């Protein structure tokens, strides 16, 4: 009877160890998921910034072309 109790306690301890490893894995997974989310948010922010810069480039290109045409006309 005592041997069975000892075996049962050992099994319980092993299960507890496995569960503690699972919590560590869960914590690691949640940290990785939050890192992925932060990277995605940063990517979206950079994409919006790139679009604004491209619009700015288009604006200044057309403005420069207008000045170039005016310069050529005045010569």
Protein backbone atom coordinates (compact mmCIF):
# COMPACT_ATOMS: atom_id res chain seq x y z
CA UNK A 1 0.00 0.00 0.00
CA UNK A 2 2.81 2.39 0.88
CA UNK A 3 4.54 1.65 -2.41
CA UNK A 4 1.39 2.60 -4.32
CA UNK A 5 1.14 5.86 -2.40
CA UNK A 6 4.78 6.60 -3.12
CA UNK A 7 4.28 5.84 -6.83
CA UNK A 8 1.19 8.01 -6.90
CA UNK A 9 3.03 10.91 -5.24
CA UNK A 10 5.87 10.57 -7.72
CA UNK A 11 3.41 10.68 -10.58
CA UNK A 12 1.78 13.77 -9.12
CA UNK A 13 5.17 15.45 -8.78
CA UNK A 14 6.02 14.61 -12.38
CA UNK A 15 2.73 16.03 -13.56
CA UNK A 16 3.34 19.19 -11.57
CA UNK A 17 6.77 19.54 -13.16
CA UNK A 18 5.28 19.10 -16.62
CA UNK A 19 2.62 21.68 -15.86
CA UNK A 20 5.21 24.15 -14.63
CA UNK A 21 7.06 23.67 -17.91
CA UNK A 22 3.81 24.29 -19.74
CA UNK A 23 3.33 27.58 -17.95
CA UNK A 24 6.84 28.60 -18.94
CA UNK A 25 6.07 27.64 -22.53
CA UNK A 26 2.79 29.58 -22.37
CA UNK A 27 4.61 32.64 -21.06
CA UNK A 28 7.18 32.36 -23.84
CA UNK A 29 4.43 31.97 -26.43
CA UNK A 30 2.57 35.02 -25.15
CA UNK A 31 5.79 37.07 -25.19
CA UNK A 32 6.45 36.00 -28.77
CA UNK A 33 2.88 36.83 -29.77
CA UNK A 34 3.18 40.30 -28.25
CA UNK A 35 6.48 40.78 -30.08
CA UNK A 36 4.84 39.77 -33.36
CA UNK A 37 1.98 42.19 -32.71
CA UNK A 38 4.44 45.02 -32.01
CA UNK A 39 6.31 44.25 -35.24
CA UNK A 40 3.05 44.26 -37.22
CA UNK A 41 2.01 47.60 -35.71
CA UNK A 42 5.42 49.05 -36.53
CA UNK A 43 5.13 47.75 -40.09
CA UNK A 44 1.73 49.42 -40.49
CA UNK A 45 3.12 52.69 -39.11
CA UNK A 46 6.07 52.57 -41.48
CA UNK A 47 3.80 51.80 -44.42
CA UNK A 48 1.66 54.87 -43.66
CA UNK A 49 4.78 57.00 -43.30
CA UNK A 50 6.06 55.69 -46.65
CA UNK A 51 2.77 56.63 -48.33
CA UNK A 52 2.97 60.16 -46.91
CA UNK A 53 6.56 60.51 -48.13
CA UNK A 54 5.60 59.25 -51.60
CA UNK A 55 2.80 61.84 -51.74
CA UNK A 56 5.30 64.49 -50.70
CA UNK A 57 7.68 63.37 -53.45
CA UNK A 58 4.92 63.58 -56.07
CA UNK A 59 3.98 67.06 -54.89
CA UNK A 60 7.54 68.36 -55.09
CA UNK A 61 8.18 66.67 -58.44
CA UNK A 62 5.16 68.34 -60.02
CA UNK A 63 6.14 71.65 -58.45
CA UNK A 64 9.69 71.28 -59.83
CA UNK A 65 8.33 70.39 -63.28
CA UNK A 66 6.12 73.48 -63.18
CA UNK A 67 9.08 75.69 -62.34
CA UNK A 68 11.14 74.02 -65.06
CA UNK A 69 8.41 74.65 -67.63
CA UNK A 70 8.09 78.26 -66.50
CA UNK A 71 11.87 78.70 -66.73
CA UNK A 72 11.94 77.22 -70.24
CA UNK A 73 9.04 79.44 -71.30
CA UNK A 74 10.76 82.57 -70.03
CA UNK A 75 14.00 81.82 -71.87
